């Protein structure tokens, strides 16, 4: 999905592969829910914990992670898929 997000942004001329200096905004958010498969988050509520990255207002990376996984991953591991952009 992430490669398609980037391809779509390039195909619509919103991103240009030859341009450098883009600012990547990467964030983890907690989407609170009471669904059965939701995990307890660091804010003590059940929910999903996706990683989301934008260049400007353009989404370039979306990936869901289990909260427990985030606690044991290094930043390098966490960002490696995003930095391929």
N, C-alpha and C. Protein backbone atom coordinates (compact mmCIF):
# COMPACT_ATOMS: atom_id res chain seq x y z
N UNK A 1 0.81 -1.18 0.00
CA UNK A 1 0.00 0.00 0.00
C UNK A 1 0.87 1.26 0.00
N UNK A 2 1.94 1.27 0.77
CA UNK A 2 2.76 2.47 0.88
C UNK A 2 3.44 2.83 -0.44
N UNK A 3 3.88 1.83 -1.18
CA UNK A 3 4.49 2.12 -2.48
C UNK A 3 3.44 2.70 -3.43
N UNK A 4 2.19 2.29 -3.28
CA UNK A 4 1.12 2.84 -4.12
C UNK A 4 0.79 4.28 -3.72
N UNK A 5 0.88 4.58 -2.43
CA UNK A 5 0.67 5.97 -1.99
C UNK A 5 1.70 6.88 -2.64
N UNK A 6 2.94 6.45 -2.60
CA UNK A 6 4.02 7.26 -3.20
C UNK A 6 3.82 7.36 -4.71
N UNK A 7 3.52 6.23 -5.36
CA UNK A 7 3.32 6.23 -6.81
C UNK A 7 2.16 7.15 -7.20
N UNK A 8 1.10 7.15 -6.41
CA UNK A 8 -0.05 8.02 -6.70
C UNK A 8 0.34 9.49 -6.56
N UNK A 9 1.10 9.81 -5.53
CA UNK A 9 1.55 11.19 -5.35
C UNK A 9 2.47 11.65 -6.48
N UNK A 10 3.28 10.74 -7.00
CA UNK A 10 4.15 11.06 -8.13
C UNK A 10 3.34 11.18 -9.42
N UNK A 11 2.42 10.22 -9.63
CA UNK A 11 1.61 10.23 -10.86
C UNK A 11 0.74 11.48 -10.97
N UNK A 12 0.32 12.03 -9.84
CA UNK A 12 -0.52 13.23 -9.85
C UNK A 12 0.32 14.50 -9.72
N UNK A 13 1.64 14.36 -9.87
CA UNK A 13 2.59 15.49 -9.83
C UNK A 13 2.58 16.25 -8.51
N UNK A 14 2.23 15.56 -7.43
CA UNK A 14 2.27 16.20 -6.12
C UNK A 14 3.63 16.02 -5.46
N UNK A 15 4.35 14.96 -5.85
CA UNK A 15 5.73 14.74 -5.45
C UNK A 15 6.55 14.52 -6.71
N UNK A 16 7.79 14.96 -6.69
CA UNK A 16 8.69 14.78 -7.82
C UNK A 16 9.92 14.02 -7.34
N UNK A 17 10.24 12.87 -7.95
CA UNK A 17 11.39 12.09 -7.50
C UNK A 17 12.71 12.85 -7.57
N UNK A 18 12.84 13.81 -8.49
CA UNK A 18 14.10 14.54 -8.65
C UNK A 18 14.27 15.66 -7.63
N UNK A 19 13.20 15.97 -6.90
CA UNK A 19 13.26 17.05 -5.91
C UNK A 19 13.80 16.51 -4.59
N UNK A 20 14.70 17.27 -3.98
CA UNK A 20 15.19 16.89 -2.66
C UNK A 20 14.75 17.94 -1.65
N UNK A 21 14.92 17.62 -0.38
CA UNK A 21 14.58 18.59 0.65
C UNK A 21 13.16 18.49 1.16
N UNK A 22 12.46 17.42 0.82
CA UNK A 22 11.13 17.22 1.38
C UNK A 22 11.25 17.02 2.89
N UNK A 23 10.28 17.48 3.64
CA UNK A 23 10.24 17.26 5.08
C UNK A 23 9.26 16.13 5.37
N UNK A 24 9.75 15.10 6.03
CA UNK A 24 8.93 13.94 6.38
C UNK A 24 8.42 14.13 7.80
N UNK A 25 7.11 14.09 7.97
CA UNK A 25 6.48 14.19 9.28
C UNK A 25 5.96 12.80 9.65
N UNK A 26 6.59 12.19 10.64
CA UNK A 26 6.27 10.82 11.05
C UNK A 26 5.68 10.85 12.45
N UNK A 27 4.57 10.16 12.65
CA UNK A 27 3.94 10.18 13.97
C UNK A 27 3.24 8.86 14.24
N UNK A 28 3.18 8.53 15.51
CA UNK A 28 2.39 7.40 15.99
C UNK A 28 1.18 7.99 16.70
N UNK A 29 0.03 7.44 16.46
CA UNK A 29 -1.19 7.92 17.12
C UNK A 29 -1.92 6.73 17.72
N UNK A 30 -2.74 6.98 18.72
CA UNK A 30 -3.58 5.93 19.28
C UNK A 30 -5.01 6.20 18.83
N UNK A 31 -5.59 5.22 18.14
CA UNK A 31 -6.98 5.32 17.72
C UNK A 31 -7.78 4.45 18.69
N UNK A 32 -8.47 5.10 19.61
CA UNK A 32 -9.18 4.37 20.65
C UNK A 32 -10.37 3.63 20.09
N UNK A 33 -10.56 2.38 20.55
CA UNK A 33 -11.68 1.55 20.12
C UNK A 33 -11.92 0.47 21.17
N UNK A 34 -13.08 -0.10 21.16
CA UNK A 34 -13.41 -1.21 22.06
C UNK A 34 -13.45 -2.54 21.32
N UNK A 35 -12.90 -2.58 20.12
CA UNK A 35 -12.91 -3.82 19.34
C UNK A 35 -12.11 -4.90 20.06
N UNK A 36 -12.48 -6.14 19.82
CA UNK A 36 -11.90 -7.27 20.54
C UNK A 36 -10.40 -7.42 20.34
N UNK A 37 -9.88 -7.14 19.14
CA UNK A 37 -8.46 -7.34 18.87
C UNK A 37 -7.59 -6.12 19.23
N UNK A 38 -8.20 -5.06 19.74
CA UNK A 38 -7.44 -3.87 20.12
C UNK A 38 -6.59 -4.17 21.36
N UNK A 39 -5.41 -3.56 21.41
CA UNK A 39 -4.47 -3.75 22.52
C UNK A 39 -4.49 -2.55 23.44
N UNK A 40 -4.08 -2.76 24.69
CA UNK A 40 -3.96 -1.67 25.64
C UNK A 40 -2.80 -0.77 25.22
N UNK A 41 -3.03 0.51 25.12
CA UNK A 41 -2.00 1.45 24.67
C UNK A 41 -1.26 2.05 25.85
N UNK A 42 -0.25 2.85 25.56
CA UNK A 42 0.52 3.51 26.61
C UNK A 42 -0.31 4.53 27.38
N UNK A 43 -1.44 4.96 26.82
CA UNK A 43 -2.30 5.88 27.55
C UNK A 43 -3.42 5.15 28.29
N UNK A 44 -3.25 3.84 28.44
CA UNK A 44 -4.14 2.98 29.23
C UNK A 44 -5.55 2.87 28.66
N UNK A 45 -5.68 2.97 27.33
CA UNK A 45 -6.95 2.72 26.68
C UNK A 45 -6.73 1.68 25.59
N UNK A 46 -7.79 0.95 25.24
CA UNK A 46 -7.68 -0.02 24.16
C UNK A 46 -7.77 0.70 22.82
N UNK A 47 -6.93 0.27 21.88
CA UNK A 47 -6.98 0.90 20.57
C UNK A 47 -5.94 0.36 19.63
N UNK A 48 -5.90 0.94 18.45
CA UNK A 48 -4.90 0.62 17.44
C UNK A 48 -3.83 1.70 17.48
N UNK A 49 -2.63 1.35 17.02
CA UNK A 49 -1.50 2.27 17.14
C UNK A 49 -0.77 2.36 15.80
N UNK A 50 -1.37 3.04 14.80
CA UNK A 50 -0.71 3.10 13.49
C UNK A 50 0.43 4.11 13.43
N UNK A 51 1.38 3.82 12.57
CA UNK A 51 2.42 4.79 12.20
C UNK A 51 1.91 5.49 10.95
N UNK A 52 2.04 6.80 10.92
CA UNK A 52 1.59 7.56 9.77
C UNK A 52 2.68 8.56 9.40
N UNK A 53 3.01 8.64 8.12
CA UNK A 53 4.02 9.60 7.66
C UNK A 53 3.45 10.43 6.51
N UNK A 54 3.75 11.72 6.56
CA UNK A 54 3.31 12.66 5.53
C UNK A 54 4.50 13.44 5.01
N UNK A 55 4.41 13.84 3.76
CA UNK A 55 5.27 14.87 3.20
C UNK A 55 4.30 16.00 2.86
N UNK A 56 4.42 17.08 3.61
CA UNK A 56 3.40 18.13 3.50
C UNK A 56 2.09 17.56 4.00
N UNK A 57 1.06 17.64 3.18
CA UNK A 57 -0.24 17.07 3.52
C UNK A 57 -0.49 15.75 2.78
N UNK A 58 0.55 15.20 2.17
CA UNK A 58 0.42 13.99 1.36
C UNK A 58 0.80 12.76 2.17
N UNK A 59 -0.10 11.78 2.33
CA UNK A 59 0.26 10.56 3.05
C UNK A 59 1.21 9.73 2.21
N UNK A 60 2.31 9.27 2.83
CA UNK A 60 3.27 8.43 2.11
C UNK A 60 3.55 7.11 2.83
N UNK A 61 3.04 6.95 4.05
CA UNK A 61 3.27 5.71 4.79
C UNK A 61 2.19 5.55 5.85
N UNK A 62 1.53 4.37 5.86
CA UNK A 62 0.56 4.03 6.90
C UNK A 62 0.79 2.57 7.26
N UNK A 63 1.00 2.31 8.54
CA UNK A 63 1.26 0.94 8.98
C UNK A 63 0.78 0.78 10.42
N UNK A 64 0.03 -0.27 10.68
CA UNK A 64 -0.46 -0.51 12.04
C UNK A 64 0.55 -1.34 12.82
N UNK A 65 0.73 -1.01 14.10
CA UNK A 65 1.62 -1.76 14.97
C UNK A 65 0.92 -2.08 16.27
N UNK A 66 1.28 -3.21 16.83
CA UNK A 66 0.83 -3.58 18.17
C UNK A 66 1.63 -2.74 19.16
N UNK A 67 1.00 -2.18 20.17
CA UNK A 67 1.68 -1.33 21.16
C UNK A 67 2.88 -2.02 21.78
N UNK A 68 2.75 -3.29 22.12
CA UNK A 68 3.85 -4.02 22.74
C UNK A 68 5.05 -4.09 21.80
N UNK A 69 4.79 -4.27 20.52
CA UNK A 69 5.87 -4.32 19.53
C UNK A 69 6.64 -3.01 19.50
N UNK A 70 5.93 -1.89 19.60
CA UNK A 70 6.58 -0.58 19.56
C UNK A 70 7.54 -0.40 20.73
N UNK A 71 7.23 -0.99 21.86
CA UNK A 71 8.07 -0.81 23.03
C UNK A 71 9.42 -1.52 22.90
N UNK A 72 9.49 -2.59 22.11
CA UNK A 72 10.72 -3.35 21.99
C UNK A 72 11.50 -3.04 20.70
N UNK A 73 10.90 -2.31 19.80
CA UNK A 73 11.57 -1.98 18.55
C UNK A 73 12.48 -0.77 18.74
N UNK A 74 13.62 -0.79 18.09
CA UNK A 74 14.47 0.40 18.11
C UNK A 74 13.91 1.41 17.10
N UNK A 75 14.30 2.66 17.23
CA UNK A 75 13.84 3.67 16.27
C UNK A 75 14.28 3.33 14.86
N UNK A 76 15.48 2.76 14.74
CA UNK A 76 15.98 2.39 13.42
C UNK A 76 15.06 1.36 12.77
N UNK A 77 14.64 0.36 13.54
CA UNK A 77 13.72 -0.67 13.02
C UNK A 77 12.37 -0.05 12.68
N UNK A 78 11.91 0.83 13.55
CA UNK A 78 10.59 1.44 13.37
C UNK A 78 10.54 2.31 12.12
N UNK A 79 11.61 3.04 11.85
CA UNK A 79 11.62 3.99 10.73
C UNK A 79 12.12 3.40 9.43
N UNK A 80 12.67 2.18 9.43
CA UNK A 80 13.32 1.66 8.22
C UNK A 80 12.39 1.61 7.02
N UNK A 81 11.14 1.22 7.21
CA UNK A 81 10.22 1.17 6.08
C UNK A 81 9.88 2.56 5.57
N UNK A 82 9.80 3.52 6.46
CA UNK A 82 9.49 4.89 6.07
C UNK A 82 10.64 5.52 5.32
N UNK A 83 11.86 5.26 5.77
CA UNK A 83 13.02 5.91 5.19
C UNK A 83 13.37 5.40 3.80
N UNK A 84 12.76 4.31 3.38
CA UNK A 84 12.95 3.81 2.02
C UNK A 84 12.37 4.82 1.02
N UNK A 85 11.45 5.62 1.46
CA UNK A 85 10.84 6.65 0.62
C UNK A 85 11.93 7.47 0.01
